[in-house]
Amino acid sequence: MSTLSGLDFAAVAERVPPLAALVVAVLAVSTSAILVEYSGAPSLVKAFYRVLFTTLVLLPLAVGRDADRRAFRRLRGRDLLVAVASGAALALHFASWFESLRWTSVAASVTLVQSQPVFVAVGAWALLDERVSRGGAVGILVALGGAALLAGGGSLSGAALRGARPLFGNALALVGALCYTVYVLAGRSLRQRFPVIPYVVVVYAVCAAVLLVAVVARGHPLLGYARREWLLFAAMAVGPGLFGHTVVNWALAHVESRVVSVSLVGEPVGATLLAAVLLAEVPTATTVLGGCVVLAGIALTARSRTGDTDTGRGDGTDTRSE
């Protein structure tokens, strides 16, 4: 990494225990859905400013080193088209997931959108002819069964239901997972050949541009929000964005990828607990059961996909920057 405002991030990173950083990252991403729920802005606006602010924070890091600047210059032709496709898919992921939180519980939405490792495994098998181990196949079946149970059940109990449309919200969360699968599969080769920060900045810039077009097309105002909203937009970027998934990407170089993959299963658990305490969202027994089954399937799938090719950066590992 580079020096920003006199702070040597590389030196700081070297002094941080990787497992401690991973714990902080999981806690940070667990706040994402809560921050989205706290904001009263339109879903597209929330998604746009989250991605924009995260991009602006990371941009100085991406241009601070010669190697990173050279990576920007190498990104052209087919690679640039792939980056654009990845960014567009990521924009659809954010748009559908943020909107899903309007209609269903945090527990259901976060668990279903986190099921993307399962869809990545299926997509890699169908499109890239990658082998699926027996454990991976079991994990996929378990997760899909849990997703069906979760998606079909009521999301909230009692008064907390608030007239929501859980089936619609759950469907949007699954759309978000599928869009993220496209993002992962489209950008896999680029992530292997380009440094993390320059790659993320380019994809985020495309993602922000697509979301901006969507915001304008829907007629949502870009300005005029209360101070509280701007603070929430910034918190989404700095918390889940910077200290969450950016730290996860850094941890991949220091911790076994299977550990990183399975640890991210903690996000739905943390988000559900926070929602119960802060939003009074009490999930139904069906939601809890389905969520546990989905998380077990995700863990099985992630472990099987990274166990044989654990190089510190397994392809099957979730490297989201949500």
Protein backbone atom coordinates (compact mmCIF):
# COMPACT_ATOMS: atom_id res chain seq x y z
CA MET A 1 0.00 0.00 0.00
CA SER A 2 1.04 3.63 -0.10
CA THR A 3 1.47 6.68 2.09
CA LEU A 4 -1.66 8.79 2.49
CA SER A 5 -1.66 12.01 4.54
CA GLY A 6 1.63 11.03 6.14
CA LEU A 7 0.42 7.60 7.28
CA ASP A 8 2.35 4.57 6.07
CA PHE A 9 -0.42 2.01 5.63
CA ALA A 10 2.01 -0.74 4.66
CA ALA A 11 3.89 -0.35 7.93
CA VAL A 12 0.66 -0.30 9.91
CA ALA A 13 -0.64 -3.39 8.11
CA GLU A 14 2.52 -5.33 8.91
CA ARG A 15 1.93 -4.78 12.63
CA VAL A 16 -1.69 -5.97 12.57
CA PRO A 17 -2.29 -9.67 13.41
CA PRO A 18 -4.14 -11.08 10.36
CA LEU A 19 -6.69 -13.01 12.40
CA ALA A 20 -7.48 -9.92 14.47
CA ALA A 21 -7.93 -7.94 11.26
CA LEU A 22 -10.27 -10.62 9.95
CA VAL A 23 -12.39 -10.42 13.09
CA VAL A 24 -12.66 -6.65 12.66
CA ALA A 25 -13.60 -7.12 9.00
CA VAL A 26 -16.41 -9.55 9.79
CA LEU A 27 -17.76 -7.22 12.47
CA ALA A 28 -17.58 -4.30 10.02
CA VAL A 29 -19.45 -6.05 7.20
CA SER A 30 -22.08 -7.17 9.70
CA THR A 31 -23.09 -3.53 10.12
CA SER A 32 -23.81 -3.02 6.43
CA ALA A 33 -27.48 -3.99 6.44
CA ILE A 34 -28.10 -2.04 9.65
CA LEU A 35 -26.68 1.16 8.17
CA VAL A 36 -28.76 0.65 5.03
CA GLU A 37 -31.88 0.22 7.15
CA TYR A 38 -31.14 3.34 9.20
CA SER A 39 -31.00 5.48 6.06
CA GLY A 40 -34.24 6.85 4.68
CA ALA A 41 -32.80 7.69 1.26
CA PRO A 42 -33.83 5.75 -1.87
CA SER A 43 -32.01 2.43 -2.23
CA LEU A 44 -30.23 3.48 -5.42
CA VAL A 45 -28.98 6.68 -3.80
CA LYS A 46 -27.64 4.78 -0.79
CA ALA A 47 -25.85 2.31 -3.05
CA PHE A 48 -24.40 5.08 -5.24
CA TYR A 49 -22.92 7.11 -2.40
CA ARG A 50 -21.58 4.08 -0.62
CA VAL A 51 -19.65 2.98 -3.71
CA LEU A 52 -18.62 6.54 -4.62
CA PHE A 53 -17.26 7.34 -1.17
CA THR A 54 -15.41 4.02 -0.95
CA THR A 55 -13.84 4.73 -4.34
CA LEU A 56 -12.73 8.21 -3.27
CA VAL A 57 -11.14 6.79 -0.11
CA LEU A 58 -9.24 4.10 -2.03
CA LEU A 59 -8.20 6.23 -5.01
CA PRO A 60 -5.14 7.84 -3.32
CA LEU A 61 -3.94 4.35 -2.36
CA ALA A 62 -4.33 3.14 -5.94
CA VAL A 63 -2.17 5.91 -7.42
CA GLY A 64 0.39 6.08 -4.63
CA ARG A 65 2.68 3.30 -5.87
CA ASP A 66 4.46 2.92 -9.21
CA ALA A 67 3.29 -0.71 -9.51
CA ASP A 68 -0.32 0.32 -9.06
CA ARG A 69 -0.04 3.14 -11.60
CA ARG A 70 1.47 0.72 -14.10
CA ALA A 71 -1.47 -1.63 -13.47
CA PHE A 72 -3.88 1.13 -14.51
CA ARG A 73 -1.97 1.60 -17.76
CA ARG A 74 -2.11 -2.14 -18.49
CA LEU A 75 -5.88 -2.20 -18.17
CA ARG A 76 -7.05 -1.86 -21.76
CA GLY A 77 -8.83 -3.77 -24.51
CA ARG A 78 -10.49 -6.98 -23.39
CA ASP A 79 -9.37 -6.50 -19.79
CA LEU A 80 -11.08 -3.11 -19.69
CA LEU A 81 -14.29 -4.61 -21.08
CA VAL A 82 -14.19 -7.31 -18.41
CA ALA A 83 -13.71 -4.66 -15.72
CA VAL A 84 -16.70 -2.73 -17.07
CA ALA A 85 -18.83 -5.88 -17.07
CA SER A 86 -17.74 -6.66 -13.51
CA GLY A 87 -18.56 -3.14 -12.36
CA ALA A 88 -22.00 -3.25 -13.99
CA ALA A 89 -22.77 -6.59 -12.34
CA LEU A 90 -21.63 -5.21 -8.99
CA ALA A 91 -23.96 -2.22 -9.43
CA LEU A 92 -26.90 -4.57 -10.02
CA HIS A 93 -25.85 -6.52 -6.95
CA PHE A 94 -25.90 -3.44 -4.73
CA ALA A 95 -29.14 -2.11 -6.21
CA SER A 96 -31.07 -5.35 -5.75
CA TRP A 97 -29.68 -6.14 -2.30
CA PHE A 98 -30.25 -2.65 -0.88
CA GLU A 99 -33.81 -2.73 -2.22
CA SER A 100 -34.40 -6.19 -0.74
CA LEU A 101 -33.83 -4.78 2.73
CA ARG A 102 -36.94 -2.62 2.28
CA TRP A 103 -39.17 -5.68 1.95
CA THR A 104 -37.74 -8.48 4.05
CA SER A 105 -35.80 -8.98 7.25
CA VAL A 106 -32.10 -8.37 7.66
CA ALA A 107 -31.69 -12.03 8.61
CA ALA A 108 -33.26 -13.34 5.40
CA SER A 109 -31.75 -10.72 3.08
CA VAL A 110 -28.16 -10.97 4.31
CA THR A 111 -28.21 -14.77 4.44
CA LEU A 112 -29.60 -15.11 0.92
CA VAL A 113 -27.26 -12.55 -0.62
CA GLN A 114 -24.34 -14.22 1.17
CA SER A 115 -25.19 -17.49 -0.61
CA GLN A 116 -23.21 -16.28 -3.62
CA PRO A 117 -20.28 -18.73 -3.01
CA VAL A 118 -22.72 -21.51 -3.86
CA PHE A 119 -23.74 -19.86 -7.13
CA VAL A 120 -20.09 -19.14 -7.93
CA ALA A 121 -19.30 -22.84 -7.52
CA VAL A 122 -22.20 -23.81 -9.80
CA GLY A 123 -21.27 -21.15 -12.37
CA ALA A 124 -17.60 -22.16 -12.39
CA TRP A 125 -18.66 -25.76 -12.99
CA ALA A 126 -21.14 -24.90 -15.76
CA LEU A 127 -19.16 -22.16 -17.54
CA LEU A 128 -15.51 -22.80 -16.71
CA ASP A 129 -15.58 -26.60 -16.48
CA GLU A 130 -14.20 -26.56 -12.95
CA ARG A 131 -14.43 -29.74 -10.93
CA VAL A 132 -16.88 -29.85 -8.04
CA SER A 133 -15.82 -32.17 -5.24
CA ARG A 134 -18.21 -34.43 -3.41
CA GLY A 135 -18.13 -32.10 -0.40
CA GLY A 136 -18.79 -29.15 -2.66
CA ALA A 137 -21.80 -30.86 -4.24
CA VAL A 138 -23.22 -31.67 -0.82
CA GLY A 139 -22.67 -28.08 0.28
CA ILE A 140 -24.44 -26.73 -2.81
CA LEU A 141 -27.46 -28.99 -2.28
CA VAL A 142 -27.64 -28.15 1.42
CA ALA A 143 -27.42 -24.40 0.77
CA LEU A 144 -30.02 -24.46 -2.00
CA GLY A 145 -32.39 -26.43 0.20
CA GLY A 146 -31.92 -23.94 3.00
CA ALA A 147 -32.42 -21.04 0.60
CA ALA A 148 -35.72 -22.53 -0.57
CA LEU A 149 -36.85 -22.92 3.04
CA LEU A 150 -35.70 -19.42 3.94
CA ALA A 151 -37.15 -17.72 0.86
CA GLY A 152 -40.55 -19.34 1.28
CA GLY A 153 -40.98 -18.63 4.97
CA GLY A 154 -42.09 -15.49 6.73
CA SER A 155 -39.15 -13.25 7.55
CA LEU A 156 -40.29 -11.43 10.68
CA SER A 157 -42.57 -12.27 13.54
CA GLY A 158 -45.23 -10.24 15.30
CA ALA A 159 -45.45 -6.48 14.93
CA ALA A 160 -42.03 -6.31 13.33
CA LEU A 161 -43.52 -7.52 10.05
CA ARG A 162 -44.58 -3.95 9.26
CA GLY A 163 -46.52 -4.89 6.13
CA ALA A 164 -43.35 -6.03 4.35
CA ARG A 165 -43.31 -8.33 1.32
CA PRO A 166 -40.84 -11.05 2.35
CA LEU A 167 -41.16 -13.16 -0.80
CA PHE A 168 -40.35 -10.15 -2.97
CA GLY A 169 -37.50 -9.04 -0.72
CA ASN A 170 -36.06 -12.56 -0.58
CA ALA A 171 -36.22 -12.81 -4.37
CA LEU A 172 -34.32 -9.52 -4.68
CA ALA A 173 -31.66 -10.82 -2.29
CA LEU A 174 -31.21 -13.91 -4.49
CA VAL A 175 -30.94 -11.65 -7.53
CA GLY A 176 -28.22 -9.79 -5.66
CA ALA A 177 -26.38 -13.06 -5.04
CA LEU A 178 -26.63 -14.02 -8.72
CA CYS A 179 -25.38 -10.59 -9.84
CA TYR A 180 -22.45 -10.89 -7.50
CA THR A 181 -21.73 -14.31 -8.99
CA VAL A 182 -21.43 -12.65 -12.41
CA TYR A 183 -19.08 -10.08 -10.88
CA VAL A 184 -16.86 -12.78 -9.40
CA LEU A 185 -16.74 -15.00 -12.50
CA ALA A 186 -16.23 -12.10 -14.92
CA GLY A 187 -13.44 -10.54 -12.90
CA ARG A 188 -11.65 -13.67 -11.72
CA SER A 189 -8.78 -13.51 -14.22
CA LEU A 190 -8.28 -9.78 -13.61
CA ARG A 191 -8.13 -10.26 -9.84
CA GLN A 192 -5.37 -12.81 -10.34
CA ARG A 193 -3.29 -10.55 -12.62
CA PHE A 194 -3.85 -7.07 -11.19
CA PRO A 195 -3.17 -5.66 -7.71
CA VAL A 196 -6.24 -5.60 -5.49
CA ILE A 197 -6.56 -1.84 -4.93
CA PRO A 198 -6.27 -0.72 -8.60
CA TYR A 199 -8.66 -3.47 -9.68
CA VAL A 200 -11.20 -2.53 -7.03
CA VAL A 201 -10.97 1.19 -7.82
CA VAL A 202 -11.63 0.63 -11.53
CA VAL A 203 -14.55 -1.72 -10.89
CA TYR A 204 -15.98 0.60 -8.22
CA ALA A 205 -15.73 3.57 -10.57
CA VAL A 206 -17.75 1.69 -13.20
CA CYS A 207 -20.18 0.52 -10.51
CA ALA A 208 -20.68 4.09 -9.28
CA ALA A 209 -21.23 5.34 -12.84
CA VAL A 210 -23.90 2.71 -13.50
CA LEU A 211 -25.64 3.51 -10.22
CA LEU A 212 -25.50 7.23 -11.01
CA VAL A 213 -27.26 6.62 -14.33
CA ALA A 214 -29.90 4.57 -12.52
CA VAL A 215 -30.41 7.29 -9.88
CA VAL A 216 -30.86 9.98 -12.53
CA ALA A 217 -33.13 7.76 -14.65
CA ARG A 218 -35.39 7.14 -11.65
CA GLY A 219 -35.51 10.86 -10.87
CA HIS A 220 -34.05 10.56 -7.36
CA PRO A 221 -32.37 13.71 -6.03
CA LEU A 222 -28.61 13.55 -5.55
CA LEU A 223 -28.47 16.42 -3.06
CA GLY A 224 -30.63 17.91 -0.36
CA TYR A 225 -30.36 15.07 2.16
CA ALA A 226 -30.11 15.69 5.89
CA ARG A 227 -26.74 15.63 7.62
CA ARG A 228 -27.66 12.30 9.20
CA GLU A 229 -28.00 10.73 5.74
CA TRP A 230 -24.56 11.93 4.63
CA LEU A 231 -23.06 10.51 7.80
CA LEU A 232 -24.74 7.17 7.08
CA PHE A 233 -23.46 7.19 3.47
CA ALA A 234 -19.93 7.81 4.78
CA ALA A 235 -20.32 5.11 7.45
CA MET A 236 -21.38 2.58 4.80
CA ALA A 237 -18.21 3.34 2.84
CA VAL A 238 -15.73 3.46 5.72
CA GLY A 239 -17.20 0.62 7.82
CA PRO A 240 -18.36 -2.26 5.59
CA GLY A 241 -16.48 -0.93 2.56
CA LEU A 242 -13.02 0.02 3.84
CA PHE A 243 -12.67 -1.80 7.16
CA GLY A 244 -14.86 -4.67 5.98
CA HIS A 245 -14.26 -6.12 2.57
CA THR A 246 -11.08 -4.20 1.76
CA VAL A 247 -9.53 -5.72 4.87
CA VAL A 248 -10.88 -9.12 3.78
CA ASN A 249 -8.97 -8.73 0.50
CA TRP A 250 -5.81 -7.86 2.45
CA ALA A 251 -6.32 -10.86 4.76
CA LEU A 252 -6.31 -13.22 1.76
CA ALA A 253 -2.57 -12.68 1.45
CA HIS A 254 -1.94 -13.52 5.11
CA VAL A 255 -4.53 -16.13 6.13
CA GLU A 256 -5.54 -19.42 4.52
CA SER A 257 -8.32 -18.70 2.05
CA ARG A 258 -10.52 -21.44 3.56
CA VAL A 259 -10.38 -19.57 6.89
CA VAL A 260 -11.39 -16.31 5.20
CA SER A 261 -14.20 -18.00 3.27
CA VAL A 262 -15.75 -19.69 6.26
CA SER A 263 -15.30 -16.65 8.51
CA LEU A 264 -17.54 -14.60 6.24
CA VAL A 265 -20.42 -16.87 7.22
CA GLY A 266 -20.30 -14.79 10.39
CA GLU A 267 -21.73 -11.80 8.52
CA PRO A 268 -25.36 -13.01 8.45
CA VAL A 269 -25.08 -14.09 12.09
CA GLY A 270 -23.72 -10.73 13.18
CA ALA A 271 -26.22 -8.80 11.06
CA THR A 272 -29.14 -10.82 12.46
CA LEU A 273 -28.07 -10.20 16.06
CA LEU A 274 -27.59 -6.48 15.42
CA ALA A 275 -30.99 -6.28 13.71
CA ALA A 276 -32.66 -7.96 16.69
CA VAL A 277 -31.08 -5.50 19.12
CA LEU A 278 -31.11 -2.28 17.08
CA LEU A 279 -34.12 -2.73 14.79
CA ALA A 280 -36.32 -5.02 16.91
CA GLU A 281 -36.40 -7.49 14.00
CA VAL A 282 -37.24 -10.89 15.41
CA PRO A 283 -36.88 -13.60 12.74
CA THR A 284 -39.36 -16.46 12.63
CA ALA A 285 -38.37 -20.01 13.47
CA THR A 286 -38.49 -20.85 9.75
CA THR A 287 -36.09 -18.02 8.96
CA VAL A 288 -33.68 -19.13 11.67
CA LEU A 289 -33.80 -22.76 10.56
CA GLY A 290 -33.43 -21.93 6.87
CA GLY A 291 -30.61 -19.51 7.62
CA CYS A 292 -28.69 -22.10 9.61
CA VAL A 293 -29.04 -24.62 6.77
CA VAL A 294 -27.86 -22.05 4.20
CA LEU A 295 -24.84 -21.09 6.33
CA ALA A 296 -23.89 -24.75 6.76
CA GLY A 297 -24.07 -25.25 2.99
CA ILE A 298 -22.00 -22.12 2.34
CA ALA A 299 -19.34 -23.29 4.79
CA LEU A 300 -19.17 -26.75 3.18
CA THR A 301 -18.95 -25.25 -0.32
CA ALA A 302 -16.32 -22.68 0.59
CA ARG A 303 -14.12 -25.19 2.40
CA SER A 304 -14.27 -27.68 -0.46
CA ARG A 305 -13.46 -25.05 -3.10
CA THR A 306 -10.45 -23.61 -1.26
CA GLY A 307 -9.13 -26.73 0.41
CA ASP A 308 -7.39 -28.18 -2.65
CA THR A 309 -5.96 -24.93 -4.01
CA ASP A 310 -5.11 -23.01 -0.87
CA THR A 311 -2.47 -20.61 -2.06
CA GLY A 312 -3.38 -17.73 0.20
CA ARG A 313 -5.88 -16.49 -2.33
CA GLY A 314 -8.38 -19.14 -3.27
CA ASP A 315 -10.53 -18.33 -6.28
CA GLY A 316 -13.63 -19.44 -4.47
CA THR A 317 -13.11 -16.99 -1.64
CA ASP A 318 -15.53 -14.17 -1.25
CA THR A 319 -13.65 -10.96 -2.00
CA ARG A 320 -16.70 -8.72 -1.85
CA SER A 321 -16.34 -5.04 -1.36
CA GLU A 322 -19.86 -4.40 -0.13
